[in-house]
mmCIF file of all heavy atoms, coordinates in Angstrom:
data_MODEL
# 
_entry.id   MODEL 
# 
loop_
_atom_site.group_PDB 
_atom_site.id 
_atom_site.type_symbol 
_atom_site.label_atom_id 
_atom_site.label_alt_id 
_atom_site.label_comp_id 
_atom_site.label_asym_id 
_atom_site.label_entity_id 
_atom_site.label_seq_id 
_atom_site.pdbx_PDB_ins_code 
_atom_site.Cartn_x 
_atom_site.Cartn_y 
_atom_site.Cartn_z 
_atom_site.occupancy 
_atom_site.B_iso_or_equiv 
_atom_site.pdbx_formal_charge 
_atom_site.auth_seq_id 
_atom_site.auth_comp_id 
_atom_site.auth_asym_id 
_atom_site.auth_atom_id 
_atom_site.pdbx_PDB_model_num 
ATOM 1   N N   . LYS A 1 1  ? 9.226  -2.544  -6.387  1.00 0.00 ? 1  LYS A N   1 
ATOM 2   C CA  . LYS A 1 1  ? 8.516  -3.820  -6.656  1.00 0.00 ? 1  LYS A CA  1 
ATOM 3   C C   . LYS A 1 1  ? 7.010  -3.572  -6.737  1.00 0.00 ? 1  LYS A C   1 
ATOM 4   O O   . LYS A 1 1  ? 6.435  -2.897  -5.896  1.00 0.00 ? 1  LYS A O   1 
ATOM 5   C CB  . LYS A 1 1  ? 8.762  -4.814  -5.526  1.00 0.00 ? 1  LYS A CB  1 
ATOM 6   C CG  . LYS A 1 1  ? 10.195 -4.948  -5.037  1.00 0.00 ? 1  LYS A CG  1 
ATOM 7   C CD  . LYS A 1 1  ? 11.138 -5.407  -6.098  1.00 0.00 ? 1  LYS A CD  1 
ATOM 8   C CE  . LYS A 1 1  ? 12.613 -5.502  -5.596  1.00 0.00 ? 1  LYS A CE  1 
ATOM 9   N NZ  . LYS A 1 1  ? 13.574 -5.765  -6.675  1.00 0.00 ? 1  LYS A NZ  1 
ATOM 10  N N   . ASP A 1 2  ? 6.433  -4.192  -7.675  1.00 0.00 ? 2  ASP A N   1 
ATOM 11  C CA  . ASP A 1 2  ? 4.931  -4.252  -7.713  1.00 0.00 ? 2  ASP A CA  1 
ATOM 12  C C   . ASP A 1 2  ? 4.469  -5.143  -6.555  1.00 0.00 ? 2  ASP A C   1 
ATOM 13  O O   . ASP A 1 2  ? 5.187  -6.129  -6.148  1.00 0.00 ? 2  ASP A O   1 
ATOM 14  C CB  . ASP A 1 2  ? 4.369  -4.881  -8.971  1.00 0.00 ? 2  ASP A CB  1 
ATOM 15  C CG  . ASP A 1 2  ? 4.554  -3.877  -10.215 1.00 0.00 ? 2  ASP A CG  1 
ATOM 16  O OD1 . ASP A 1 2  ? 4.599  -2.686  -9.958  1.00 0.00 ? 2  ASP A OD1 1 
ATOM 17  O OD2 . ASP A 1 2  ? 4.694  -4.356  -11.342 1.00 0.00 ? 2  ASP A OD2 1 
ATOM 18  N N   . ILE A 1 3  ? 3.315  -4.873  -6.023  1.00 0.00 ? 3  ILE A N   1 
ATOM 19  C CA  . ILE A 1 3  ? 2.778  -5.542  -4.827  1.00 0.00 ? 3  ILE A CA  1 
ATOM 20  C C   . ILE A 1 3  ? 1.546  -6.370  -5.209  1.00 0.00 ? 3  ILE A C   1 
ATOM 21  O O   . ILE A 1 3  ? 0.546  -5.784  -5.619  1.00 0.00 ? 3  ILE A O   1 
ATOM 22  C CB  . ILE A 1 3  ? 2.459  -4.584  -3.665  1.00 0.00 ? 3  ILE A CB  1 
ATOM 23  C CG1 . ILE A 1 3  ? 3.624  -3.677  -3.345  1.00 0.00 ? 3  ILE A CG1 1 
ATOM 24  C CG2 . ILE A 1 3  ? 1.914  -5.369  -2.476  1.00 0.00 ? 3  ILE A CG2 1 
ATOM 25  C CD1 . ILE A 1 3  ? 4.821  -4.393  -2.808  1.00 0.00 ? 3  ILE A CD1 1 
ATOM 26  N N   . ALA A 1 4  ? 1.611  -7.718  -5.106  1.00 0.00 ? 4  ALA A N   1 
ATOM 27  C CA  . ALA A 1 4  ? 0.402  -8.536  -5.196  1.00 0.00 ? 4  ALA A CA  1 
ATOM 28  C C   . ALA A 1 4  ? -0.157 -8.649  -3.768  1.00 0.00 ? 4  ALA A C   1 
ATOM 29  O O   . ALA A 1 4  ? 0.347  -9.361  -2.931  1.00 0.00 ? 4  ALA A O   1 
ATOM 30  C CB  . ALA A 1 4  ? 0.709  -9.886  -5.789  1.00 0.00 ? 4  ALA A CB  1 
ATOM 31  N N   . LEU A 1 5  ? -1.175 -7.796  -3.492  1.00 0.00 ? 5  LEU A N   1 
ATOM 32  C CA  . LEU A 1 5  ? -1.594 -7.505  -2.110  1.00 0.00 ? 5  LEU A CA  1 
ATOM 33  C C   . LEU A 1 5  ? -2.672 -8.524  -1.654  1.00 0.00 ? 5  LEU A C   1 
ATOM 34  O O   . LEU A 1 5  ? -3.793 -8.473  -2.119  1.00 0.00 ? 5  LEU A O   1 
ATOM 35  C CB  . LEU A 1 5  ? -2.074 -6.046  -2.013  1.00 0.00 ? 5  LEU A CB  1 
ATOM 36  C CG  . LEU A 1 5  ? -2.492 -5.634  -0.622  1.00 0.00 ? 5  LEU A CG  1 
ATOM 37  C CD1 . LEU A 1 5  ? -1.226 -5.454  0.271   1.00 0.00 ? 5  LEU A CD1 1 
ATOM 38  C CD2 . LEU A 1 5  ? -3.190 -4.293  -0.702  1.00 0.00 ? 5  LEU A CD2 1 
ATOM 39  N N   . ALA A 1 6  ? -2.277 -9.312  -0.665  1.00 0.00 ? 6  ALA A N   1 
ATOM 40  C CA  . ALA A 1 6  ? -3.242 -10.246 0.017   1.00 0.00 ? 6  ALA A CA  1 
ATOM 41  C C   . ALA A 1 6  ? -3.305 -9.941  1.505   1.00 0.00 ? 6  ALA A C   1 
ATOM 42  O O   . ALA A 1 6  ? -4.039 -10.591 2.222   1.00 0.00 ? 6  ALA A O   1 
ATOM 43  C CB  . ALA A 1 6  ? -2.902 -11.738 -0.231  1.00 0.00 ? 6  ALA A CB  1 
ATOM 44  N N   . ASN A 1 7  ? -2.550 -8.887  1.944   1.00 0.00 ? 7  ASN A N   1 
ATOM 45  C CA  . ASN A 1 7  ? -2.526 -8.570  3.331   1.00 0.00 ? 7  ASN A CA  1 
ATOM 46  C C   . ASN A 1 7  ? -3.425 -7.355  3.604   1.00 0.00 ? 7  ASN A C   1 
ATOM 47  O O   . ASN A 1 7  ? -3.162 -6.247  3.224   1.00 0.00 ? 7  ASN A O   1 
ATOM 48  C CB  . ASN A 1 7  ? -1.102 -8.195  3.766   1.00 0.00 ? 7  ASN A CB  1 
ATOM 49  C CG  . ASN A 1 7  ? -0.978 -7.678  5.186   1.00 0.00 ? 7  ASN A CG  1 
ATOM 50  O OD1 . ASN A 1 7  ? -1.155 -6.474  5.384   1.00 0.00 ? 7  ASN A OD1 1 
ATOM 51  N ND2 . ASN A 1 7  ? -0.676 -8.548  6.105   1.00 0.00 ? 7  ASN A ND2 1 
ATOM 52  N N   . LYS A 1 8  ? -4.615 -7.632  4.194   1.00 0.00 ? 8  LYS A N   1 
ATOM 53  C CA  . LYS A 1 8  ? -5.586 -6.551  4.378   1.00 0.00 ? 8  LYS A CA  1 
ATOM 54  C C   . LYS A 1 8  ? -5.094 -5.390  5.270   1.00 0.00 ? 8  LYS A C   1 
ATOM 55  O O   . LYS A 1 8  ? -5.399 -4.269  5.023   1.00 0.00 ? 8  LYS A O   1 
ATOM 56  C CB  . LYS A 1 8  ? -6.852 -7.142  5.013   1.00 0.00 ? 8  LYS A CB  1 
ATOM 57  C CG  . LYS A 1 8  ? -7.641 -8.035  4.006   1.00 0.00 ? 8  LYS A CG  1 
ATOM 58  C CD  . LYS A 1 8  ? -8.919 -8.552  4.745   1.00 0.00 ? 8  LYS A CD  1 
ATOM 59  C CE  . LYS A 1 8  ? -9.894 -9.210  3.753   1.00 0.00 ? 8  LYS A CE  1 
ATOM 60  N NZ  . LYS A 1 8  ? -9.266 -10.332 3.017   1.00 0.00 ? 8  LYS A NZ  1 
ATOM 61  N N   . GLU A 1 9  ? -4.353 -5.805  6.298   1.00 0.00 ? 9  GLU A N   1 
ATOM 62  C CA  . GLU A 1 9  ? -4.002 -4.808  7.272   1.00 0.00 ? 9  GLU A CA  1 
ATOM 63  C C   . GLU A 1 9  ? -3.138 -3.686  6.757   1.00 0.00 ? 9  GLU A C   1 
ATOM 64  O O   . GLU A 1 9  ? -3.132 -2.595  7.269   1.00 0.00 ? 9  GLU A O   1 
ATOM 65  C CB  . GLU A 1 9  ? -3.235 -5.506  8.429   1.00 0.00 ? 9  GLU A CB  1 
ATOM 66  C CG  . GLU A 1 9  ? -4.093 -6.529  9.225   1.00 0.00 ? 9  GLU A CG  1 
ATOM 67  C CD  . GLU A 1 9  ? -4.247 -7.897  8.549   1.00 0.00 ? 9  GLU A CD  1 
ATOM 68  O OE1 . GLU A 1 9  ? -3.627 -8.125  7.497   1.00 0.00 ? 9  GLU A OE1 1 
ATOM 69  O OE2 . GLU A 1 9  ? -4.999 -8.735  9.052   1.00 0.00 ? 9  GLU A OE2 1 
ATOM 70  N N   . THR A 1 10 ? -2.417 -3.895  5.659   1.00 0.00 ? 10 THR A N   1 
ATOM 71  C CA  . THR A 1 10 ? -1.526 -2.887  5.099   1.00 0.00 ? 10 THR A CA  1 
ATOM 72  C C   . THR A 1 10 ? -2.312 -1.669  4.722   1.00 0.00 ? 10 THR A C   1 
ATOM 73  O O   . THR A 1 10 ? -1.938 -0.586  5.058   1.00 0.00 ? 10 THR A O   1 
ATOM 74  C CB  . THR A 1 10 ? -0.761 -3.493  3.865   1.00 0.00 ? 10 THR A CB  1 
ATOM 75  O OG1 . THR A 1 10 ? 0.123  -4.546  4.318   1.00 0.00 ? 10 THR A OG1 1 
ATOM 76  C CG2 . THR A 1 10 ? 0.081  -2.394  3.258   1.00 0.00 ? 10 THR A CG2 1 
ATOM 77  N N   . LEU A 1 11 ? -3.369 -1.822  3.989   1.00 0.00 ? 11 LEU A N   1 
ATOM 78  C CA  . LEU A 1 11 ? -4.153 -0.634  3.565   1.00 0.00 ? 11 LEU A CA  1 
ATOM 79  C C   . LEU A 1 11 ? -5.176 -0.227  4.632   1.00 0.00 ? 11 LEU A C   1 
ATOM 80  O O   . LEU A 1 11 ? -5.472 1.012   4.713   1.00 0.00 ? 11 LEU A O   1 
ATOM 81  C CB  . LEU A 1 11 ? -4.899 -0.939  2.270   1.00 0.00 ? 11 LEU A CB  1 
ATOM 82  C CG  . LEU A 1 11 ? -4.071 -1.076  1.044   1.00 0.00 ? 11 LEU A CG  1 
ATOM 83  C CD1 . LEU A 1 11 ? -4.936 -1.265  -0.166  1.00 0.00 ? 11 LEU A CD1 1 
ATOM 84  C CD2 . LEU A 1 11 ? -3.115 0.073   0.796   1.00 0.00 ? 11 LEU A CD2 1 
ATOM 85  N N   . VAL A 1 12 ? -5.659 -1.121  5.398   1.00 0.00 ? 12 VAL A N   1 
ATOM 86  C CA  . VAL A 1 12 ? -6.599 -0.763  6.457   1.00 0.00 ? 12 VAL A CA  1 
ATOM 87  C C   . VAL A 1 12 ? -5.994 0.248   7.452   1.00 0.00 ? 12 VAL A C   1 
ATOM 88  O O   . VAL A 1 12 ? -6.596 1.241   7.812   1.00 0.00 ? 12 VAL A O   1 
ATOM 89  C CB  . VAL A 1 12 ? -7.092 -1.992  7.207   1.00 0.00 ? 12 VAL A CB  1 
ATOM 90  C CG1 . VAL A 1 12 ? -7.851 -1.633  8.529   1.00 0.00 ? 12 VAL A CG1 1 
ATOM 91  C CG2 . VAL A 1 12 ? -8.078 -2.848  6.334   1.00 0.00 ? 12 VAL A CG2 1 
ATOM 92  N N   . THR A 1 13 ? -4.776 0.034   7.846   1.00 0.00 ? 13 THR A N   1 
ATOM 93  C CA  . THR A 1 13 ? -4.113 0.816   8.834   1.00 0.00 ? 13 THR A CA  1 
ATOM 94  C C   . THR A 1 13 ? -3.188 1.908   8.234   1.00 0.00 ? 13 THR A C   1 
ATOM 95  O O   . THR A 1 13 ? -2.982 2.943   8.884   1.00 0.00 ? 13 THR A O   1 
ATOM 96  C CB  . THR A 1 13 ? -3.330 -0.024  9.829   1.00 0.00 ? 13 THR A CB  1 
ATOM 97  O OG1 . THR A 1 13 ? -2.271 -0.627  9.096   1.00 0.00 ? 13 THR A OG1 1 
ATOM 98  C CG2 . THR A 1 13 ? -4.157 -1.079  10.500  1.00 0.00 ? 13 THR A CG2 1 
ATOM 99  N N   . ALA A 1 14 ? -2.694 1.662   7.052   1.00 0.00 ? 14 ALA A N   1 
ATOM 100 C CA  . ALA A 1 14 ? -1.693 2.519   6.511   1.00 0.00 ? 14 ALA A CA  1 
ATOM 101 C C   . ALA A 1 14 ? -1.919 2.906   5.000   1.00 0.00 ? 14 ALA A C   1 
ATOM 102 O O   . ALA A 1 14 ? -1.029 3.270   4.345   1.00 0.00 ? 14 ALA A O   1 
ATOM 103 C CB  . ALA A 1 14 ? -0.268 1.933   6.671   1.00 0.00 ? 14 ALA A CB  1 
ATOM 104 N N   . GLY A 1 15 ? -3.180 2.806   4.618   1.00 0.00 ? 15 GLY A N   1 
ATOM 105 C CA  . GLY A 1 15 ? -3.539 3.141   3.234   1.00 0.00 ? 15 GLY A CA  1 
ATOM 106 C C   . GLY A 1 15 ? -3.148 4.585   2.844   1.00 0.00 ? 15 GLY A C   1 
ATOM 107 O O   . GLY A 1 15 ? -2.697 4.846   1.723   1.00 0.00 ? 15 GLY A O   1 
ATOM 108 N N   . HIS A 1 16 ? -3.204 5.505   3.842   1.00 0.00 ? 16 HIS A N   1 
ATOM 109 C CA  . HIS A 1 16 ? -2.852 6.902   3.554   1.00 0.00 ? 16 HIS A CA  1 
ATOM 110 C C   . HIS A 1 16 ? -1.398 7.086   3.335   1.00 0.00 ? 16 HIS A C   1 
ATOM 111 O O   . HIS A 1 16 ? -0.912 8.085   2.834   1.00 0.00 ? 16 HIS A O   1 
ATOM 112 C CB  . HIS A 1 16 ? -3.340 7.787   4.720   1.00 0.00 ? 16 HIS A CB  1 
ATOM 113 C CG  . HIS A 1 16 ? -2.696 7.468   6.079   1.00 0.00 ? 16 HIS A CG  1 
ATOM 114 N ND1 . HIS A 1 16 ? -2.932 6.254   6.721   1.00 0.00 ? 16 HIS A ND1 1 
ATOM 115 C CD2 . HIS A 1 16 ? -1.818 8.213   6.850   1.00 0.00 ? 16 HIS A CD2 1 
ATOM 116 C CE1 . HIS A 1 16 ? -2.235 6.294   7.852   1.00 0.00 ? 16 HIS A CE1 1 
ATOM 117 N NE2 . HIS A 1 16 ? -1.542 7.344   7.937   1.00 0.00 ? 16 HIS A NE2 1 
ATOM 118 N N   . LEU A 1 17 ? -0.569 6.068   3.775   1.00 0.00 ? 17 LEU A N   1 
ATOM 119 C CA  . LEU A 1 17 ? 0.877  6.118   3.501   1.00 0.00 ? 17 LEU A CA  1 
ATOM 120 C C   . LEU A 1 17 ? 1.246  5.265   2.264   1.00 0.00 ? 17 LEU A C   1 
ATOM 121 O O   . LEU A 1 17 ? 2.061  5.708   1.464   1.00 0.00 ? 17 LEU A O   1 
ATOM 122 C CB  . LEU A 1 17 ? 1.611  5.486   4.748   1.00 0.00 ? 17 LEU A CB  1 
ATOM 123 C CG  . LEU A 1 17 ? 1.372  6.158   6.085   1.00 0.00 ? 17 LEU A CG  1 
ATOM 124 C CD1 . LEU A 1 17 ? 2.122  5.440   7.208   1.00 0.00 ? 17 LEU A CD1 1 
ATOM 125 C CD2 . LEU A 1 17 ? 1.816  7.682   6.040   1.00 0.00 ? 17 LEU A CD2 1 
ATOM 126 N N   . ILE A 1 18 ? 0.548  4.143   2.124   1.00 0.00 ? 18 ILE A N   1 
ATOM 127 C CA  . ILE A 1 18 ? 0.954  3.175   1.090   1.00 0.00 ? 18 ILE A CA  1 
ATOM 128 C C   . ILE A 1 18 ? 0.610  3.665   -0.312  1.00 0.00 ? 18 ILE A C   1 
ATOM 129 O O   . ILE A 1 18 ? 1.445  3.647   -1.234  1.00 0.00 ? 18 ILE A O   1 
ATOM 130 C CB  . ILE A 1 18 ? 0.263  1.832   1.309   1.00 0.00 ? 18 ILE A CB  1 
ATOM 131 C CG1 . ILE A 1 18 ? 0.753  1.212   2.588   1.00 0.00 ? 18 ILE A CG1 1 
ATOM 132 C CG2 . ILE A 1 18 ? 0.493  0.879   0.128   1.00 0.00 ? 18 ILE A CG2 1 
ATOM 133 C CD1 . ILE A 1 18 ? 2.167  0.710   2.610   1.00 0.00 ? 18 ILE A CD1 1 
ATOM 134 N N   . MET A 1 19 ? -0.609 4.203   -0.528  1.00 0.00 ? 19 MET A N   1 
ATOM 135 C CA  . MET A 1 19 ? -1.040 4.597   -1.864  1.00 0.00 ? 19 MET A CA  1 
ATOM 136 C C   . MET A 1 19 ? -0.193 5.754   -2.417  1.00 0.00 ? 19 MET A C   1 
ATOM 137 O O   . MET A 1 19 ? 0.229  5.717   -3.558  1.00 0.00 ? 19 MET A O   1 
ATOM 138 C CB  . MET A 1 19 ? -2.528 4.868   -1.885  1.00 0.00 ? 19 MET A CB  1 
ATOM 139 C CG  . MET A 1 19 ? -3.403 3.694   -1.531  1.00 0.00 ? 19 MET A CG  1 
ATOM 140 S SD  . MET A 1 19 ? -3.018 2.132   -2.470  1.00 0.00 ? 19 MET A SD  1 
ATOM 141 C CE  . MET A 1 19 ? -3.564 2.606   -4.130  1.00 0.00 ? 19 MET A CE  1 
ATOM 142 N N   . PRO A 1 20 ? 0.030  6.788   -1.602  1.00 0.00 ? 20 PRO A N   1 
ATOM 143 C CA  . PRO A 1 20 ? 0.962  7.821   -2.154  1.00 0.00 ? 20 PRO A CA  1 
ATOM 144 C C   . PRO A 1 20 ? 2.371  7.304   -2.427  1.00 0.00 ? 20 PRO A C   1 
ATOM 145 O O   . PRO A 1 20 ? 2.963  7.780   -3.379  1.00 0.00 ? 20 PRO A O   1 
ATOM 146 C CB  . PRO A 1 20 ? 0.957  8.911   -1.027  1.00 0.00 ? 20 PRO A CB  1 
ATOM 147 C CG  . PRO A 1 20 ? -0.290 8.702   -0.314  1.00 0.00 ? 20 PRO A CG  1 
ATOM 148 C CD  . PRO A 1 20 ? -0.577 7.247   -0.306  1.00 0.00 ? 20 PRO A CD  1 
ATOM 149 N N   . MET A 1 21 ? 2.867  6.383   -1.617  1.00 0.00 ? 21 MET A N   1 
ATOM 150 C CA  . MET A 1 21 ? 4.176  5.840   -1.889  1.00 0.00 ? 21 MET A CA  1 
ATOM 151 C C   . MET A 1 21 ? 4.225  5.073   -3.219  1.00 0.00 ? 21 MET A C   1 
ATOM 152 O O   . MET A 1 21 ? 5.187  5.168   -3.987  1.00 0.00 ? 21 MET A O   1 
ATOM 153 C CB  . MET A 1 21 ? 4.521  4.886   -0.740  1.00 0.00 ? 21 MET A CB  1 
ATOM 154 C CG  . MET A 1 21 ? 5.224  5.491   0.409   1.00 0.00 ? 21 MET A CG  1 
ATOM 155 S SD  . MET A 1 21 ? 5.833  4.187   1.538   1.00 0.00 ? 21 MET A SD  1 
ATOM 156 C CE  . MET A 1 21 ? 7.194  3.517   0.563   1.00 0.00 ? 21 MET A CE  1 
ATOM 157 N N   . ALA A 1 22 ? 3.168  4.276   -3.442  1.00 0.00 ? 22 ALA A N   1 
ATOM 158 C CA  . ALA A 1 22 ? 3.090  3.502   -4.727  1.00 0.00 ? 22 ALA A CA  1 
ATOM 159 C C   . ALA A 1 22 ? 3.075  4.409   -5.895  1.00 0.00 ? 22 ALA A C   1 
ATOM 160 O O   . ALA A 1 22 ? 3.742  4.134   -6.895  1.00 0.00 ? 22 ALA A O   1 
ATOM 161 C CB  . ALA A 1 22 ? 1.816  2.610   -4.659  1.00 0.00 ? 22 ALA A CB  1 
ATOM 162 N N   . GLU A 1 23 ? 2.349  5.552   -5.790  1.00 0.00 ? 23 GLU A N   1 
ATOM 163 C CA  . GLU A 1 23 ? 2.379  6.484   -6.879  1.00 0.00 ? 23 GLU A CA  1 
ATOM 164 C C   . GLU A 1 23 ? 3.714  7.169   -7.088  1.00 0.00 ? 23 GLU A C   1 
ATOM 165 O O   . GLU A 1 23 ? 4.195  7.305   -8.186  1.00 0.00 ? 23 GLU A O   1 
ATOM 166 C CB  . GLU A 1 23 ? 1.294  7.543   -6.629  1.00 0.00 ? 23 GLU A CB  1 
ATOM 167 C CG  . GLU A 1 23 ? 1.134  8.565   -7.758  1.00 0.00 ? 23 GLU A CG  1 
ATOM 168 C CD  . GLU A 1 23 ? -0.006 9.492   -7.555  1.00 0.00 ? 23 GLU A CD  1 
ATOM 169 O OE1 . GLU A 1 23 ? -0.706 9.403   -6.543  1.00 0.00 ? 23 GLU A OE1 1 
ATOM 170 O OE2 . GLU A 1 23 ? -0.234 10.335  -8.425  1.00 0.00 ? 23 GLU A OE2 1 
ATOM 171 N N   . LYS A 1 24 ? 4.329  7.492   -5.953  1.00 0.00 ? 24 LYS A N   1 
ATOM 172 C CA  . LYS A 1 24 ? 5.679  8.126   -5.992  1.00 0.00 ? 24 LYS A CA  1 
ATOM 173 C C   . LYS A 1 24 ? 6.713  7.243   -6.652  1.00 0.00 ? 24 LYS A C   1 
ATOM 174 O O   . LYS A 1 24 ? 7.526  7.751   -7.500  1.00 0.00 ? 24 LYS A O   1 
ATOM 175 C CB  . LYS A 1 24 ? 6.115  8.513   -4.570  1.00 0.00 ? 24 LYS A CB  1 
ATOM 176 C CG  . LYS A 1 24 ? 7.469  9.118   -4.508  1.00 0.00 ? 24 LYS A CG  1 
ATOM 177 C CD  . LYS A 1 24 ? 7.945  9.443   -3.039  1.00 0.00 ? 24 LYS A CD  1 
ATOM 178 C CE  . LYS A 1 24 ? 9.354  9.891   -2.972  1.00 0.00 ? 24 LYS A CE  1 
ATOM 179 N NZ  . LYS A 1 24 ? 9.777  10.187  -1.579  1.00 0.00 ? 24 LYS A NZ  1 
ATOM 180 N N   . TYR A 1 25 ? 6.714  5.965   -6.318  1.00 0.00 ? 25 TYR A N   1 
ATOM 181 C CA  . TYR A 1 25 ? 7.723  5.076   -6.836  1.00 0.00 ? 25 TYR A CA  1 
ATOM 182 C C   . TYR A 1 25 ? 7.256  4.338   -8.112  1.00 0.00 ? 25 TYR A C   1 
ATOM 183 O O   . TYR A 1 25 ? 8.049  3.543   -8.617  1.00 0.00 ? 25 TYR A O   1 
ATOM 184 C CB  . TYR A 1 25 ? 8.097  4.098   -5.754  1.00 0.00 ? 25 TYR A CB  1 
ATOM 185 C CG  . TYR A 1 25 ? 8.941  4.675   -4.676  1.00 0.00 ? 25 TYR A CG  1 
ATOM 186 C CD1 . TYR A 1 25 ? 8.313  5.146   -3.446  1.00 0.00 ? 25 TYR A CD1 1 
ATOM 187 C CD2 . TYR A 1 25 ? 10.321 4.837   -4.813  1.00 0.00 ? 25 TYR A CD2 1 
ATOM 188 C CE1 . TYR A 1 25 ? 9.055  5.729   -2.445  1.00 0.00 ? 25 TYR A CE1 1 
ATOM 189 C CE2 . TYR A 1 25 ? 11.064 5.449   -3.738  1.00 0.00 ? 25 TYR A CE2 1 
ATOM 190 C CZ  . TYR A 1 25 ? 10.457 5.878   -2.622  1.00 0.00 ? 25 TYR A CZ  1 
ATOM 191 O OH  . TYR A 1 25 ? 11.191 6.421   -1.608  1.00 0.00 ? 25 TYR A OH  1 
# 
């Protein structure tokens, strides 16, 4: 799923996990 991101905490705390995942999928 594409993410329309309005939740700040997702990238603040887990950006190093989220961004590579988004690229992978």
